[in-house]
PDB file of N, CA and C in Angstrom:
ATOM      1  N   UNK A   1       0.848  -1.174   0.000  1.00  0.00           N
ATOM      2  CA  UNK A   1       0.000   0.000   0.000  1.00  0.00           C
ATOM      3  C   UNK A   1       0.899   1.245   0.000  1.00  0.00           C
ATOM      4  N   UNK A   2       0.547   2.206  -0.835  1.00  0.00           N
ATOM      5  CA  UNK A   2       1.367   3.415  -0.933  1.00  0.00           C
ATOM      6  C   UNK A   2       1.015   4.395   0.180  1.00  0.00           C
ATOM      7  N   UNK A   3       1.962   5.266   0.486  1.00  0.00           N
ATOM      8  CA  UNK A   3       1.734   6.287   1.508  1.00  0.00           C
ATOM      9  C   UNK A   3       0.802   7.351   0.945  1.00  0.00           C
ATOM     10  N   UNK A   4       0.086   8.018   1.825  1.00  0.00           N
ATOM     11  CA  UNK A   4      -0.812   9.090   1.423  1.00  0.00           C
ATOM     12  C   UNK A   4      -0.173  10.432   1.729  1.00  0.00           C
ATOM     13  N   UNK A   5      -0.518  11.423   0.929  1.00  0.00           N
ATOM     14  CA  UNK A   5      -0.009  12.774   1.100  1.00  0.00           C
ATOM     15  C   UNK A   5      -1.120  13.617   1.696  1.00  0.00           C
ATOM     16  N   UNK A   6      -0.802  14.369   2.745  1.00  0.00           N
ATOM     17  CA  UNK A   6      -1.779  15.260   3.364  1.00  0.00           C
ATOM     18  C   UNK A   6      -1.787  16.570   2.600  1.00  0.00           C
ATOM     19  N   UNK A   7      -2.992  17.036   2.226  1.00  0.00           N
ATOM     20  CA  UNK A   7      -3.124  18.295   1.505  1.00  0.00           C
ATOM     21  C   UNK A   7      -4.216  19.128   2.155  1.00  0.00           C
ATOM     22  N   UNK A   8      -4.026  20.445   2.141  1.00  0.00           N
ATOM     23  CA  UNK A   8      -4.999  21.375   2.693  1.00  0.00           C
ATOM     24  C   UNK A   8      -5.775  21.984   1.530  1.00  0.00           C
ATOM     25  N   UNK A   9      -7.096  21.911   1.615  1.00  0.00           N
ATOM     26  CA  UNK A   9      -7.932  22.428   0.536  1.00  0.00           C
ATOM     27  C   UNK A   9      -7.874  23.945   0.454  1.00  0.00           C
ATOM     28  N   UNK A  10      -7.875  24.461  -0.768  1.00  0.00           N
ATOM     29  CA  UNK A  10      -7.937  25.897  -1.007  1.00  0.00           C
ATOM     30  C   UNK A  10      -9.244  26.248  -1.701  1.00  0.00           C
ATOM     31  N   UNK A  11     -10.059  25.241  -1.989  1.00  0.00           N
ATOM     32  CA  UNK A  11     -11.331  25.435  -2.675  1.00  0.00           C
ATOM     33  C   UNK A  11     -12.291  24.374  -2.170  1.00  0.00           C
ATOM     34  N   UNK A  12     -13.575  24.578  -2.314  1.00  0.00           N
ATOM     35  CA  UNK A  12     -14.570  23.632  -1.847  1.00  0.00           C
ATOM     36  C   UNK A  12     -14.504  22.344  -2.651  1.00  0.00           C
ATOM     37  N   UNK A  13     -14.718  21.206  -1.985  1.00  0.00           N
ATOM     38  CA  UNK A  13     -14.734  19.898  -2.642  1.00  0.00           C
ATOM     39  C   UNK A  13     -15.740  19.026  -1.900  1.00  0.00           C
ATOM     40  N   UNK A  14     -16.906  18.835  -2.508  1.00  0.00           N
ATOM     41  CA  UNK A  14     -17.960  18.062  -1.854  1.00  0.00           C
ATOM     42  C   UNK A  14     -18.401  18.764  -0.583  1.00  0.00           C
ATOM     43  N   UNK A  15     -18.380  18.055   0.534  1.00  0.00           N
ATOM     44  CA  UNK A  15     -18.785  18.646   1.814  1.00  0.00           C
ATOM     45  C   UNK A  15     -17.610  19.296   2.546  1.00  0.00           C
ATOM     46  N   UNK A  16     -16.422  19.235   1.964  1.00  0.00           N
ATOM     47  CA  UNK A  16     -15.226  19.831   2.580  1.00  0.00           C
ATOM     48  C   UNK A  16     -15.126  21.303   2.197  1.00  0.00           C
ATOM     49  N   UNK A  17     -14.590  22.097   3.114  1.00  0.00           N
ATOM     50  CA  UNK A  17     -14.435  23.534   2.881  1.00  0.00           C
ATOM     51  C   UNK A  17     -12.948  23.883   2.859  1.00  0.00           C
ATOM     52  N   UNK A  18     -12.589  25.050   2.303  1.00  0.00           N
ATOM     53  CA  UNK A  18     -11.180  25.455   2.305  1.00  0.00           C
ATOM     54  C   UNK A  18     -10.605  25.443   3.715  1.00  0.00           C
ATOM     55  N   UNK A  19      -9.402  24.900   3.847  1.00  0.00           N
ATOM     56  CA  UNK A  19      -8.758  24.777   5.149  1.00  0.00           C
ATOM     57  C   UNK A  19      -8.823  23.368   5.694  1.00  0.00           C
ATOM     58  N   UNK A  20      -9.777  22.560   5.212  1.00  0.00           N
ATOM     59  CA  UNK A  20      -9.850  21.163   5.637  1.00  0.00           C
ATOM     60  C   UNK A  20      -8.674  20.389   5.055  1.00  0.00           C
ATOM     61  N   UNK A  21      -8.285  19.319   5.711  1.00  0.00           N
ATOM     62  CA  UNK A  21      -7.169  18.491   5.266  1.00  0.00           C
ATOM     63  C   UNK A  21      -7.712  17.200   4.663  1.00  0.00           C
ATOM     64  N   UNK A  22      -7.150  16.814   3.521  1.00  0.00           N
ATOM     65  CA  UNK A  22      -7.533  15.568   2.863  1.00  0.00           C
ATOM     66  C   UNK A  22      -6.279  14.745   2.614  1.00  0.00           C
ATOM     67  N   UNK A  23      -6.453  13.432   2.470  1.00  0.00           N
ATOM     68  CA  UNK A  23      -5.346  12.533   2.155  1.00  0.00           C
ATOM     69  C   UNK A  23      -5.496  12.098   0.704  1.00  0.00           C
ATOM     70  N   UNK A  24      -4.420  12.241  -0.063  1.00  0.00           N
ATOM     71  CA  UNK A  24      -4.432  11.863  -1.471  1.00  0.00           C
ATOM     72  C   UNK A  24      -3.246  10.973  -1.788  1.00  0.00           C
ATOM     73  N   UNK A  25      -3.402  10.149  -2.805  1.00  0.00           N
ATOM     74  CA  UNK A  25      -2.294   9.311  -3.242  1.00  0.00           C
ATOM     75  C   UNK A  25      -1.243  10.189  -3.904  1.00  0.00           C
ATOM     76  N   UNK A  26       0.032   9.853  -3.758  1.00  0.00           N
ATOM     77  CA  UNK A  26       1.105  10.674  -4.351  1.00  0.00           C
ATOM     78  C   UNK A  26       0.936  10.887  -5.857  1.00  0.00           C
ATOM     79  N   UNK A  27       0.443   9.893  -6.564  1.00  0.00           N
ATOM     80  CA  UNK A  27       0.289  10.037  -8.016  1.00  0.00           C
ATOM     81  C   UNK A  27      -0.884  10.952  -8.397  1.00  0.00           C
ATOM     82  N   UNK A  28      -1.756  11.289  -7.432  1.00  0.00           N
ATOM     83  CA  UNK A  28      -2.899  12.162  -7.703  1.00  0.00           C
ATOM     84  C   UNK A  28      -2.671  13.608  -7.266  1.00  0.00           C
ATOM     85  N   UNK A  29      -1.505  13.915  -6.718  1.00  0.00           N
ATOM     86  CA  UNK A  29      -1.234  15.263  -6.216  1.00  0.00           C
ATOM     87  C   UNK A  29      -1.386  16.299  -7.330  1.00  0.00           C
ATOM     88  N   UNK A  30      -0.893  16.005  -8.534  1.00  0.00           N
ATOM     89  CA  UNK A  30      -0.985  16.959  -9.640  1.00  0.00           C
ATOM     90  C   UNK A  30      -2.435  17.264 -10.012  1.00  0.00           C
ATOM     91  N   UNK A  31      -3.327  16.308  -9.870  1.00  0.00           N
ATOM     92  CA  UNK A  31      -4.726  16.547 -10.229  1.00  0.00           C
ATOM     93  C   UNK A  31      -5.437  17.442  -9.209  1.00  0.00           C
ATOM     94  N   UNK A  32      -4.845  17.627  -8.041  1.00  0.00           N
ATOM     95  CA  UNK A  32      -5.426  18.498  -7.012  1.00  0.00           C
ATOM     96  C   UNK A  32      -4.901  19.924  -7.127  1.00  0.00           C
ATOM     97  N   UNK A  33      -4.040  20.201  -8.102  1.00  0.00           N
ATOM     98  CA  UNK A  33      -3.461  21.534  -8.274  1.00  0.00           C
ATOM     99  C   UNK A  33      -4.586  22.552  -8.477  1.00  0.00           C
ATOM    100  N   UNK A  34      -4.547  23.622  -7.704  1.00  0.00           N
ATOM    101  CA  UNK A  34      -5.581  24.646  -7.772  1.00  0.00           C
ATOM    102  C   UNK A  34      -6.686  24.432  -6.746  1.00  0.00           C
ATOM    103  N   UNK A  35      -6.799  23.214  -6.231  1.00  0.00           N
ATOM    104  CA  UNK A  35      -7.823  22.900  -5.239  1.00  0.00           C
ATOM    105  C   UNK A  35      -7.236  22.649  -3.858  1.00  0.00           C
ATOM    106  N   UNK A  36      -5.940  22.291  -3.806  1.00  0.00           N
ATOM    107  CA  UNK A  36      -5.301  21.983  -2.527  1.00  0.00           C
ATOM    108  C   UNK A  36      -3.794  22.215  -2.644  1.00  0.00           C
ATOM    109  N   UNK A  37      -3.184  22.449  -1.489  1.00  0.00           N
ATOM    110  CA  UNK A  37      -1.730  22.616  -1.404  1.00  0.00           C
ATOM    111  C   UNK A  37      -1.209  21.605  -0.389  1.00  0.00           C
ATOM    112  N   UNK A  38       0.063  21.234  -0.482  1.00  0.00           N
ATOM    113  CA  UNK A  38       0.606  20.298   0.512  1.00  0.00           C
ATOM    114  C   UNK A  38       0.417  20.848   1.927  1.00  0.00           C
ATOM    115  N   UNK A  39      -0.036  20.005   2.824  1.00  0.00           N
ATOM    116  CA  UNK A  39      -0.278  20.428   4.209  1.00  0.00           C
ATOM    117  C   UNK A  39       1.040  20.667   4.918  1.00  0.00           C
ATOM    118  N   UNK A  40       1.069  21.690   5.740  1.00  0.00           N
ATOM    119  CA  UNK A  40       2.248  22.008   6.533  1.00  0.00           C
ATOM    120  C   UNK A  40       2.206  21.142   7.781  1.00  0.00           C
ATOM    121  N   UNK A  41       3.149  20.222   7.904  1.00  0.00           N
ATOM    122  CA  UNK A  41       3.151  19.311   9.048  1.00  0.00           C
ATOM    123  C   UNK A  41       3.891  19.889  10.241  1.00  0.00           C
ATOM    124  N   UNK A  42       4.566  21.033  10.048  1.00  0.00           N
ATOM    125  CA  UNK A  42       5.264  21.674  11.155  1.00  0.00           C
ATOM    126  C   UNK A  42       4.352  22.705  11.805  1.00  0.00           C
ATOM    127  N   UNK A  43       4.761  23.227  12.936  1.00  0.00           N
ATOM    128  CA  UNK A  43       3.969  24.251  13.616  1.00  0.00           C
ATOM    129  C   UNK A  43       3.946  25.510  12.758  1.00  0.00           C
ATOM    130  N   UNK A  44       2.806  26.157  12.667  1.00  0.00           N
ATOM    131  CA  UNK A  44       2.722  27.380  11.868  1.00  0.00           C
ATOM    132  C   UNK A  44       3.674  28.459  12.372  1.00  0.00           C
ATOM    133  N   UNK A  45       4.294  29.187  11.466  1.00  0.00           N
ATOM    134  CA  UNK A  45       5.241  30.234  11.827  1.00  0.00           C
ATOM    135  C   UNK A  45       4.547  31.377  12.549  1.00  0.00           C
ATOM    136  N   UNK A  46       3.251  31.557  12.312  1.00  0.00           N
ATOM    137  CA  UNK A  46       2.522  32.653  12.943  1.00  0.00           C
ATOM    138  C   UNK A  46       2.482  32.495  14.460  1.00  0.00           C
ATOM    139  N   UNK A  47       2.484  31.274  14.943  1.00  0.00           N
ATOM    140  CA  UNK A  47       2.456  31.062  16.391  1.00  0.00           C
ATOM    141  C   UNK A  47       3.809  31.386  17.035  1.00  0.00           C
ATOM    142  N   UNK A  48       4.881  31.325  16.273  1.00  0.00           N
ATOM    143  CA  UNK A  48       6.208  31.574  16.814  1.00  0.00           C
ATOM    144  C   UNK A  48       6.520  33.058  16.924  1.00  0.00           C
ATOM    145  N   UNK A  49       5.871  33.877  16.093  1.00  0.00           N
ATOM    146  CA  UNK A  49       6.138  35.310  16.109  1.00  0.00           C
ATOM    147  C   UNK A  49       5.083  36.028  16.930  1.00  0.00           C
ATOM    148  N   UNK A  50       5.438  37.179  17.438  1.00  0.00           N
ATOM    149  CA  UNK A  50       4.483  37.967  18.220  1.00  0.00           C
ATOM    150  C   UNK A  50       3.446  38.580  17.281  1.00  0.00           C
ATOM    151  N   UNK A  51       2.191  38.650  17.707  1.00  0.00           N
ATOM    152  CA  UNK A  51       1.172  39.249  16.851  1.00  0.00           C
ATOM    153  C   UNK A  51       1.411  40.744  16.683  1.00  0.00           C
ATOM    154  N   UNK A  52       1.093  41.255  15.514  1.00  0.00           N
ATOM    155  CA  UNK A  52       1.280  42.673  15.234  1.00  0.00           C
ATOM    156  C   UNK A  52       0.121  43.454  15.848  1.00  0.00           C
ATOM    157  N   UNK A  53       0.442  44.625  16.364  1.00  0.00           N
ATOM    158  CA  UNK A  53      -0.572  45.474  16.956  1.00  0.00           C
ATOM    159  C   UNK A  53      -1.271  46.266  15.862  1.00  0.00           C
ATOM    160  N   UNK A  54      -2.592  46.319  15.936  1.00  0.00           N
ATOM    161  CA  UNK A  54      -3.361  47.089  14.971  1.00  0.00           C
ATOM    162  C   UNK A  54      -3.257  48.571  15.314  1.00  0.00           C
ATOM    163  N   UNK A  55      -3.320  49.408  14.313  1.00  0.00           N
ATOM    164  CA  UNK A  55      -3.256  50.849  14.538  1.00  0.00           C
ATOM    165  C   UNK A  55      -4.514  51.291  15.285  1.00  0.00           C
ATOM    166  N   UNK A  56      -4.363  52.279  16.175  1.00  0.00           N
ATOM    167  CA  UNK A  56      -5.485  52.762  16.965  1.00  0.00           C
ATOM    168  C   UNK A  56      -6.562  53.371  16.065  1.00  0.00           C
ATOM    169  N   UNK A  57      -6.140  54.135  15.061  1.00  0.00           N
ATOM    170  CA  UNK A  57      -7.086  54.744  14.132  1.00  0.00           C
ATOM    171  C   UNK A  57      -6.656  54.410  12.715  1.00  0.00           C
ATOM    172  N   UNK A  58      -7.636  54.134  11.849  1.00  0.00           N
ATOM    173  CA  UNK A  58      -7.264  53.873  10.453  1.00  0.00           C
ATOM    174  C   UNK A  58      -6.764  55.162   9.805  1.00  0.00           C
ATOM    175  N   UNK A  59      -5.922  55.062   8.784  1.00  0.00           N
ATOM    176  CA  UNK A  59      -5.421  56.266   8.132  1.00  0.00           C
ATOM    177  C   UNK A  59      -6.575  57.073   7.531  1.00  0.00           C
ATOM    178  N   UNK A  60      -6.459  58.377   7.609  1.00  0.00           N
ATOM    179  CA  UNK A  60      -7.505  59.239   7.090  1.00  0.00           C
ATOM    180  C   UNK A  60      -7.247  59.561   5.628  1.00  0.00           C
ATOM    181  N   UNK A  61      -8.333  59.774   4.895  1.00  0.00           N
ATOM    182  CA  UNK A  61      -8.233  60.127   3.496  1.00  0.00           C
ATOM    183  C   UNK A  61      -7.708  61.551   3.375  1.00  0.00           C
ATOM    184  N   UNK A  62      -6.909  61.826   2.347  1.00  0.00           N
ATOM    185  CA  UNK A  62      -6.399  63.200   2.184  1.00  0.00           C
ATOM    186  C   UNK A  62      -7.530  64.178   1.912  1.00  0.00           C
ATOM    187  N   UNK A  63      -7.399  65.383   2.445  1.00  0.00           N
ATOM    188  CA  UNK A  63      -8.410  66.425   2.279  1.00  0.00           C
ATOM    189  C   UNK A  63      -8.107  67.165   0.990  1.00  0.00           C
ATOM    190  N   UNK A  64      -9.125  67.395   0.190  1.00  0.00           N
ATOM    191  CA  UNK A  64      -8.942  68.111  -1.078  1.00  0.00           C
ATOM    192  C   UNK A  64      -9.127  69.588  -0.892  1.00  0.00           C
TER     193      UNK A  64
END
């Protein structure tokens, strides 16, 4: 039995929504192009960095 590749959906597929993880056969990875990307098996980099602070006020439009 061949190993399966974990992929994260980027588009809807049946009852699955973007962000869900699916298992695909290695030879079928190319057919999922545009619908899924290889799943990141490591911890997300966003958790390692400090969150950015939002500006107190949004920038104002220039006055004419």
